[in-house]
């Protein structure tokens, strides 16, 4: 019986192609909009989170701010103090930073970022070299005047190449000459550091020969393997609130930013999908209208079927199946169109494509629900027709 009803439904759709197309349009647009929005929302979210996570979700940055009180707390010794008082930390790397002028022969660059870091900084930040080597622990201990250049900075200072083994002058209070020992491979900015445009010198060299230091610029905290970055971030924040106060530092956690970004984009996507879903309801009303017209047109057919013994339940089921088939067909076409649209947008934008399988499943189920909900009244009306009146209908 169900198979027969499905066959009759497709037969009716084929016989009234234009009417079927117009009735499907609302469902197709609604489903396509929902699927495209959710696919795009998931693709944008995943691409954004992947980009944020590339810097390492297990890295935190503490930046002192304020004045007098910081000089008492945020010193070289703070790294060891923090590790003793907060669990789940692998290492704490102090970083000194400032702006300076750099020169190589006729090439003069102003406002360049200079950072004083320990030799462990490069490994913990997963930095790679395009040429040369990183400076060593002994370079730091002996306060050697060596420098590792970011890729773009090296290209501007040495446009024809040959940076490694050459010298650059870095101006602060006075010019000092530094041997270039390495050039970093290109890397996107993370944790507030634009690696491609930064020069790195040994931490101790910075303290003694580059600029007098009263406080550390910031600390990079590496979370221990197996520890939760969000929990460690909360523990650090609680500890700093006690010893320094919330106004004397800033704590940046990529893991926290990823969590917040995911929540915001998820909420925004759901909101847009809800708006798009309204067109499904509009499409459902169109389906009801078409089914009511179909009942009127097929009144005589209904009368014949009832005269041959069809019960109201059989007539009701026939029209309900037809309504559901109609909306499911629109749903399938909408899913295809929404997927193609999201694929085109994602490909043009360079994001990673992620199909929202829940959105596809929900769209199909909702299409069937629309067919049942808006098709029930026309089906009920058809089932209640009097056989004699139906047979005499012109």
Protein backbone atom coordinates (compact mmCIF):
# COMPACT_ATOMS: atom_id res chain seq x y z
CA UNK A 1 0.00 0.00 0.00
CA UNK A 2 2.79 2.41 0.89
CA UNK A 3 4.62 1.60 -2.34
CA UNK A 4 1.43 2.24 -4.29
CA UNK A 5 0.96 5.60 -2.55
CA UNK A 6 4.55 6.60 -3.34
CA UNK A 7 4.01 5.65 -6.98
CA UNK A 8 0.82 7.73 -7.10
CA UNK A 9 2.64 10.66 -5.48
CA UNK A 10 5.39 10.70 -8.10
CA UNK A 11 2.81 10.26 -10.85
CA UNK A 12 0.91 13.33 -9.60
CA UNK A 13 4.14 15.35 -9.41
CA UNK A 14 5.09 14.44 -12.98
CA UNK A 15 1.64 15.28 -14.33
CA UNK A 16 1.78 18.78 -12.78
CA UNK A 17 5.40 19.74 -13.35
CA UNK A 18 5.07 23.52 -13.08
CA UNK A 19 2.89 23.36 -9.98
CA UNK A 20 5.26 20.85 -8.40
CA UNK A 21 8.25 23.08 -9.17
CA UNK A 22 6.60 26.15 -7.65
CA UNK A 23 5.51 24.26 -4.54
CA UNK A 24 9.00 22.83 -4.10
CA UNK A 25 10.67 26.22 -4.41
CA UNK A 26 10.03 27.36 -0.84
CA UNK A 27 11.30 24.08 0.63
CA UNK A 28 14.35 24.05 -1.64
CA UNK A 29 15.33 27.62 -0.75
CA UNK A 30 14.77 27.03 2.97
CA UNK A 31 16.77 23.81 3.15
CA UNK A 32 19.54 25.16 0.89
CA UNK A 33 19.85 28.25 3.09
CA UNK A 34 20.03 26.26 6.33
CA UNK A 35 22.55 23.75 4.96
CA UNK A 36 24.75 26.43 3.35
CA UNK A 37 24.78 28.62 6.47
CA UNK A 38 25.62 25.75 8.82
CA UNK A 39 28.27 24.35 6.45
CA UNK A 40 29.85 27.79 6.08
CA UNK A 41 29.62 28.47 9.81
CA UNK A 42 31.37 25.21 10.61
CA UNK A 43 33.98 25.76 7.89
CA UNK A 44 34.74 29.31 9.05
CA UNK A 45 34.88 28.23 12.69
CA UNK A 46 37.18 25.29 12.03
CA UNK A 47 39.49 27.34 9.80
CA UNK A 48 39.66 30.14 12.36
CA UNK A 49 40.29 27.78 15.27
CA UNK A 50 42.91 25.89 13.29
CA UNK A 51 44.70 29.17 12.57
CA UNK A 52 44.56 30.17 16.24
CA UNK A 53 45.68 26.74 17.36
CA UNK A 54 48.70 26.79 15.04
CA UNK A 55 50.51 28.92 17.60
CA UNK A 56 50.06 26.19 20.19
CA UNK A 57 47.12 25.89 22.55
CA UNK A 58 49.57 24.91 25.29
CA UNK A 59 51.24 28.34 25.27
CA UNK A 60 50.24 31.29 27.48
CA UNK A 61 51.62 34.82 27.60
CA UNK A 62 51.86 36.97 30.72
CA UNK A 63 52.46 40.66 30.04
CA UNK A 64 53.17 42.96 33.03
CA UNK A 65 51.58 46.39 32.97
CA UNK A 66 51.59 49.35 35.33
CA UNK A 67 54.73 50.65 36.97
CA UNK A 68 56.27 50.40 40.41
CA UNK A 69 54.72 47.20 41.69
CA UNK A 70 55.77 45.26 38.60
CA UNK A 71 59.45 45.87 39.16
CA UNK A 72 59.15 44.05 42.48
CA UNK A 73 57.36 41.02 41.05
CA UNK A 74 58.00 40.57 37.34
CA UNK A 75 61.74 40.03 37.39
CA UNK A 76 64.03 37.28 36.11
CA UNK A 77 63.24 35.24 39.24
CA UNK A 78 59.49 35.27 38.55
CA UNK A 79 59.81 32.34 36.14
CA UNK A 80 61.01 29.99 38.90
CA UNK A 81 58.52 31.46 41.39
CA UNK A 82 55.59 30.81 39.08
CA UNK A 83 56.62 27.21 38.41
CA UNK A 84 56.91 26.53 42.13
CA UNK A 85 53.46 27.89 42.91
CA UNK A 86 51.38 26.74 39.93
CA UNK A 87 51.31 23.11 38.85
CA UNK A 88 51.01 21.91 35.27
CA UNK A 89 53.72 24.21 33.87
CA UNK A 90 56.58 22.79 31.79
CA UNK A 91 58.63 25.98 31.51
CA UNK A 92 58.41 29.77 31.76
CA UNK A 93 60.43 31.78 29.27
CA UNK A 94 61.15 35.45 30.04
CA UNK A 95 61.22 37.73 27.00
CA UNK A 96 62.67 41.24 26.74
CA UNK A 97 61.52 43.41 23.87
CA UNK A 98 61.82 46.90 22.44
CA UNK A 99 61.97 48.81 19.17
CA UNK A 100 65.21 49.76 17.44
CA UNK A 101 66.79 50.84 14.17
CA UNK A 102 68.68 48.23 12.15
CA UNK A 103 71.19 48.79 9.39
CA UNK A 104 73.13 46.74 6.93
CA UNK A 105 75.20 48.93 4.64
CA UNK A 106 72.75 51.15 2.78
CA UNK A 107 69.68 49.30 4.07
CA UNK A 108 68.25 51.11 7.12
CA UNK A 109 65.07 49.89 8.84
CA UNK A 110 63.45 51.80 11.68
CA UNK A 111 60.90 50.65 14.24
CA UNK A 112 61.95 47.01 14.11
CA UNK A 113 61.11 44.63 16.96
CA UNK A 114 64.11 43.33 18.93
CA UNK A 115 63.60 40.53 21.44
CA UNK A 116 65.96 39.14 24.02
CA UNK A 117 65.23 35.43 24.50
CA UNK A 118 66.87 32.33 25.90
CA UNK A 119 68.10 29.57 23.62
CA UNK A 120 65.13 27.40 24.67
CA UNK A 121 62.72 29.95 23.17
CA UNK A 122 63.06 28.61 19.63
CA UNK A 123 62.41 24.97 20.46
CA UNK A 124 59.47 25.66 22.77
CA UNK A 125 57.83 27.81 20.11
CA UNK A 126 58.42 25.18 17.41
CA UNK A 127 60.39 27.62 15.26
CA UNK A 128 62.32 26.38 12.24
CA UNK A 129 65.21 27.79 10.26
CA UNK A 130 65.50 28.54 6.58
CA UNK A 131 69.25 29.11 6.94
CA UNK A 132 71.97 28.95 9.58
CA UNK A 133 71.40 27.94 13.21
CA UNK A 134 69.92 29.22 16.45
CA UNK A 135 72.20 30.79 19.03
CA UNK A 136 73.24 28.46 21.82
CA UNK A 137 73.07 28.39 25.61
CA UNK A 138 76.77 29.36 25.73
CA UNK A 139 76.08 32.34 23.45
CA UNK A 140 73.57 33.49 26.04
CA UNK A 141 75.83 32.83 29.04
CA UNK A 142 78.76 34.61 27.40
CA UNK A 143 76.55 37.50 26.20
CA UNK A 144 77.60 37.11 22.57
CA UNK A 145 76.41 39.70 20.06
CA UNK A 146 74.63 37.32 17.75
CA UNK A 147 71.19 37.59 16.17
CA UNK A 148 68.56 35.39 14.52
CA UNK A 149 66.47 37.28 11.97
CA UNK A 150 62.86 36.75 10.91
CA UNK A 151 62.42 35.76 7.27
CA UNK A 152 60.98 39.06 5.98
CA UNK A 153 63.37 41.14 8.06
CA UNK A 154 66.34 39.23 6.63
CA UNK A 155 65.03 39.70 3.08
CA UNK A 156 64.79 43.46 3.56
CA UNK A 157 68.22 43.82 5.18
CA UNK A 158 69.86 41.42 2.70
CA UNK A 159 67.84 41.69 -0.53
CA UNK A 160 70.37 39.65 -2.49
CA UNK A 161 70.74 36.98 0.20
CA UNK A 162 73.73 35.98 2.30
CA UNK A 163 72.39 37.09 5.67
CA UNK A 164 74.01 34.28 7.68
CA UNK A 165 77.61 35.13 8.49
CA UNK A 166 77.08 38.85 7.86
CA UNK A 167 76.77 41.63 10.42
CA UNK A 168 73.94 44.05 11.13
CA UNK A 169 74.05 47.16 13.28
CA UNK A 170 71.31 47.57 15.88
CA UNK A 171 70.83 51.06 17.28
CA UNK A 172 69.47 51.65 20.75
CA UNK A 173 71.50 54.12 22.79
CA UNK A 174 74.44 53.47 20.50
CA UNK A 175 75.09 51.24 17.50
CA UNK A 176 76.33 47.71 18.15
CA UNK A 177 77.27 45.14 15.56
CA UNK A 178 75.64 41.67 15.68
CA UNK A 179 76.60 38.55 13.76
CA UNK A 180 73.66 36.93 11.95
CA UNK A 181 73.75 33.23 12.86
CA UNK A 182 70.35 32.18 11.55
CA UNK A 183 67.25 33.13 9.56
CA UNK A 184 63.86 31.80 10.61
CA UNK A 185 61.56 30.00 8.22
CA UNK A 186 58.38 31.92 7.45
CA UNK A 187 55.80 31.63 10.22
CA UNK A 188 52.49 33.31 10.99
CA UNK A 189 52.30 35.65 13.96
CA UNK A 190 51.32 33.95 17.23
CA UNK A 191 51.16 35.05 20.86
CA UNK A 192 51.53 38.65 19.75
CA UNK A 193 54.87 38.04 18.05
CA UNK A 194 55.37 38.69 14.33
CA UNK A 195 58.25 36.28 13.84
CA UNK A 196 58.87 37.30 10.24
CA UNK A 197 59.70 40.90 11.23
CA UNK A 198 61.52 40.29 14.54
CA UNK A 199 65.20 40.05 15.43
CA UNK A 200 66.13 37.75 18.33
CA UNK A 201 69.28 38.22 20.42
CA UNK A 202 70.43 36.32 23.53
CA UNK A 203 68.61 37.30 26.72
CA UNK A 204 71.77 38.11 28.69
CA UNK A 205 73.18 40.09 25.77
CA UNK A 206 70.03 42.19 25.72
CA UNK A 207 70.29 42.88 29.46
CA UNK A 208 73.95 43.90 29.43
CA UNK A 209 74.67 45.35 25.99
CA UNK A 210 71.44 46.41 24.41
CA UNK A 211 69.22 48.10 26.97
CA UNK A 212 69.05 48.48 30.74
CA UNK A 213 66.26 46.28 32.04
CA UNK A 214 64.06 47.11 35.04
CA UNK A 215 61.35 44.55 34.36
CA UNK A 216 60.71 41.66 32.00
CA UNK A 217 58.55 42.55 29.00
CA UNK A 218 56.55 39.31 29.05
CA UNK A 219 56.70 35.64 29.92
CA UNK A 220 55.79 32.75 27.68
CA UNK A 221 54.40 29.85 29.68
CA UNK A 222 54.46 26.35 28.21
CA UNK A 223 51.87 24.01 29.71
CA UNK A 224 53.13 20.56 30.64
CA UNK A 225 52.01 17.63 28.50
CA UNK A 226 48.84 16.07 29.87
CA UNK A 227 47.76 19.24 31.68
CA UNK A 228 44.72 21.24 30.64
CA UNK A 229 45.70 24.67 29.30
CA UNK A 230 42.44 26.27 30.43
CA UNK A 231 42.84 24.99 34.00
CA UNK A 232 46.49 26.08 34.16
CA UNK A 233 45.46 29.50 32.80
CA UNK A 234 42.83 29.84 35.54
CA UNK A 235 45.37 28.81 38.23
CA UNK A 236 47.92 31.35 36.96
CA UNK A 237 45.28 34.07 36.92
CA UNK A 238 44.27 33.27 40.50
CA UNK A 239 47.90 33.31 41.64
CA UNK A 240 48.68 36.61 39.90
CA UNK A 241 45.55 38.22 41.32
CA UNK A 242 46.88 37.48 44.79
CA UNK A 243 50.53 38.52 44.39
CA UNK A 244 50.12 41.39 41.92
CA UNK A 245 46.46 42.28 41.49
CA UNK A 246 44.34 42.07 38.33
CA UNK A 247 45.35 45.55 37.16
CA UNK A 248 49.06 44.75 36.97
CA UNK A 249 49.18 42.08 34.27
CA UNK A 250 47.50 40.72 31.16
CA UNK A 251 47.16 36.99 30.52
CA UNK A 252 46.65 35.75 26.98
CA UNK A 253 45.66 32.14 26.40
CA UNK A 254 45.06 30.78 22.87
CA UNK A 255 43.01 27.95 24.39
CA UNK A 256 40.68 30.48 26.03
CA UNK A 257 40.41 32.47 22.81
CA UNK A 258 39.61 29.29 20.85
CA UNK A 259 36.87 28.38 23.31
CA UNK A 260 35.35 31.86 23.20
CA UNK A 261 35.59 32.07 19.40
CA UNK A 262 33.89 28.69 19.06
CA UNK A 263 31.02 29.76 21.28
CA UNK A 264 30.54 33.10 19.49
CA UNK A 265 30.61 31.68 15.95
CA UNK A 266 28.39 28.78 17.01
CA UNK A 267 25.77 31.13 18.43
CA UNK A 268 25.91 33.41 15.39
CA UNK A 269 25.59 30.49 12.98
CA UNK A 270 22.63 29.06 14.89
CA UNK A 271 20.95 32.47 14.79
CA UNK A 272 21.37 32.75 11.01
CA UNK A 273 20.16 29.18 10.53
CA UNK A 274 17.05 29.93 12.59
CA UNK A 275 16.29 32.91 10.34
CA UNK A 276 16.79 30.77 7.23
CA UNK A 277 14.52 28.08 8.69
CA UNK A 278 11.61 30.53 8.58
CA UNK A 279 11.54 30.09 4.81
CA UNK A 280 10.84 26.39 5.45
CA UNK A 281 7.66 27.36 7.25
CA UNK A 282 6.72 29.62 4.36
CA UNK A 283 7.38 26.72 2.01
CA UNK A 284 5.19 24.50 4.19
CA UNK A 285 2.29 26.91 3.81
CA UNK A 286 2.80 26.73 0.04
CA UNK A 287 2.68 22.93 0.24
CA UNK A 288 -0.62 23.10 2.14
CA UNK A 289 -2.07 25.43 -0.46
CA UNK A 290 -1.03 23.18 -3.33
CA UNK A 291 -2.39 20.08 -1.59
CA UNK A 292 -5.75 21.79 -0.98
CA UNK A 293 -5.91 22.66 -4.68
CA UNK A 294 -5.01 19.04 -5.48
CA UNK A 295 -7.85 17.77 -3.30
CA UNK A 296 -10.34 20.00 -5.12
CA UNK A 297 -9.04 18.92 -8.54
CA UNK A 298 -9.17 15.24 -7.62
CA UNK A 299 -12.50 15.24 -5.81
CA UNK A 300 -14.08 12.95 -8.41
CA UNK A 301 -11.08 10.57 -8.18
CA UNK A 302 -11.52 10.46 -4.40
CA UNK A 303 -15.22 9.68 -4.84
CA UNK A 304 -14.41 6.78 -7.20
CA UNK A 305 -11.83 5.35 -4.79
CA UNK A 306 -14.30 5.56 -1.90
CA UNK A 307 -17.03 3.96 -4.02
CA UNK A 308 -14.63 1.08 -4.69
CA UNK A 309 -14.08 0.59 -0.95
CA UNK A 310 -11.24 2.93 0.02
CA UNK A 311 -11.56 3.92 3.67
CA UNK A 312 -10.95 7.47 4.98
CA UNK A 313 -7.67 6.21 6.45
CA UNK A 314 -6.48 5.02 3.03
CA UNK A 315 -7.40 8.35 1.40
CA UNK A 316 -5.72 10.29 4.24
CA UNK A 317 -2.55 8.20 3.98
CA UNK A 318 -2.42 8.69 0.21
CA UNK A 319 -2.41 12.48 0.47
CA UNK A 320 -0.04 12.52 3.45
CA UNK A 321 2.46 10.35 1.57
CA UNK A 322 2.17 12.66 -1.42
CA UNK A 323 2.84 15.71 0.77
CA UNK A 324 5.84 14.06 2.46
CA UNK A 325 7.30 12.91 -0.87
CA UNK A 326 6.92 16.45 -2.16
CA UNK A 327 8.75 18.04 0.79
CA UNK A 328 11.44 15.34 0.96
CA UNK A 329 12.16 15.86 -2.74
CA UNK A 330 12.52 19.58 -2.07
CA UNK A 331 14.71 18.79 0.93
CA UNK A 332 17.08 16.60 -1.11
CA UNK A 333 17.37 19.21 -3.85
CA UNK A 334 17.93 21.90 -1.20
CA UNK A 335 20.68 19.86 0.47
CA UNK A 336 22.43 19.44 -2.89
CA UNK A 337 22.15 23.15 -3.71
CA UNK A 338 23.22 24.24 -0.21
CA UNK A 339 26.25 21.92 -0.32
CA UNK A 340 27.29 23.19 -3.76
CA UNK A 341 26.88 26.80 -2.63
CA UNK A 342 28.95 26.31 0.52
CA UNK A 343 31.61 24.44 -1.50
CA UNK A 344 31.85 27.34 -3.96
CA UNK A 345 32.14 29.97 -1.21
CA UNK A 346 34.67 27.97 0.83
CA UNK A 347 36.81 27.25 -2.24
CA UNK A 348 36.84 30.93 -3.20
CA UNK A 349 37.74 31.99 0.35
CA UNK A 350 40.47 29.42 0.90
CA UNK A 351 38.88 27.92 4.03
CA UNK A 352 38.73 24.26 4.94
CA UNK A 353 35.42 22.71 3.87
CA UNK A 354 33.43 20.94 6.58
CA UNK A 355 30.00 19.54 5.84
CA UNK A 356 27.61 19.73 8.77
CA UNK A 357 26.12 16.22 8.81
CA UNK A 358 23.71 17.11 11.65
CA UNK A 359 22.41 20.00 9.53
CA UNK A 360 21.77 17.65 6.59
CA UNK A 361 20.02 15.08 8.78
CA UNK A 362 17.91 17.70 10.56
CA UNK A 363 16.97 19.32 7.23
CA UNK A 364 15.67 16.01 5.91
CA UNK A 365 13.73 15.26 9.09
CA UNK A 366 12.33 18.78 9.19
CA UNK A 367 11.27 18.49 5.54
CA UNK A 368 9.35 15.31 6.36
CA UNK A 369 7.81 17.01 9.39
CA UNK A 370 6.73 19.97 7.23
CA UNK A 371 5.10 17.52 4.82
CA UNK A 372 3.17 15.81 7.61
CA UNK A 373 2.26 18.99 9.48
CA UNK A 374 1.08 21.03 6.50
CA UNK A 375 -0.23 18.06 4.56
CA UNK A 376 -2.44 16.68 7.31
CA UNK A 377 -5.32 19.13 6.92
CA UNK A 378 -5.66 18.63 3.12
CA UNK A 379 -5.40 14.86 3.66
CA UNK A 380 -8.01 15.00 6.42
CA UNK A 381 -10.32 17.09 4.24
CA UNK A 382 -9.96 14.60 1.38
CA UNK A 383 -10.73 11.67 3.68
CA UNK A 384 -13.96 13.30 4.89
CA UNK A 385 -15.46 13.88 1.43
CA UNK A 386 -18.85 12.26 0.89
CA UNK A 387 -18.60 9.67 -1.93
CA UNK A 388 -21.88 10.73 -3.57
CA UNK A 389 -20.99 14.44 -3.51
CA UNK A 390 -17.50 13.65 -4.74
CA UNK A 391 -18.78 11.58 -7.66
CA UNK A 392 -21.19 14.33 -8.68
CA UNK A 393 -18.44 16.99 -8.51
CA UNK A 394 -17.78 18.66 -11.86
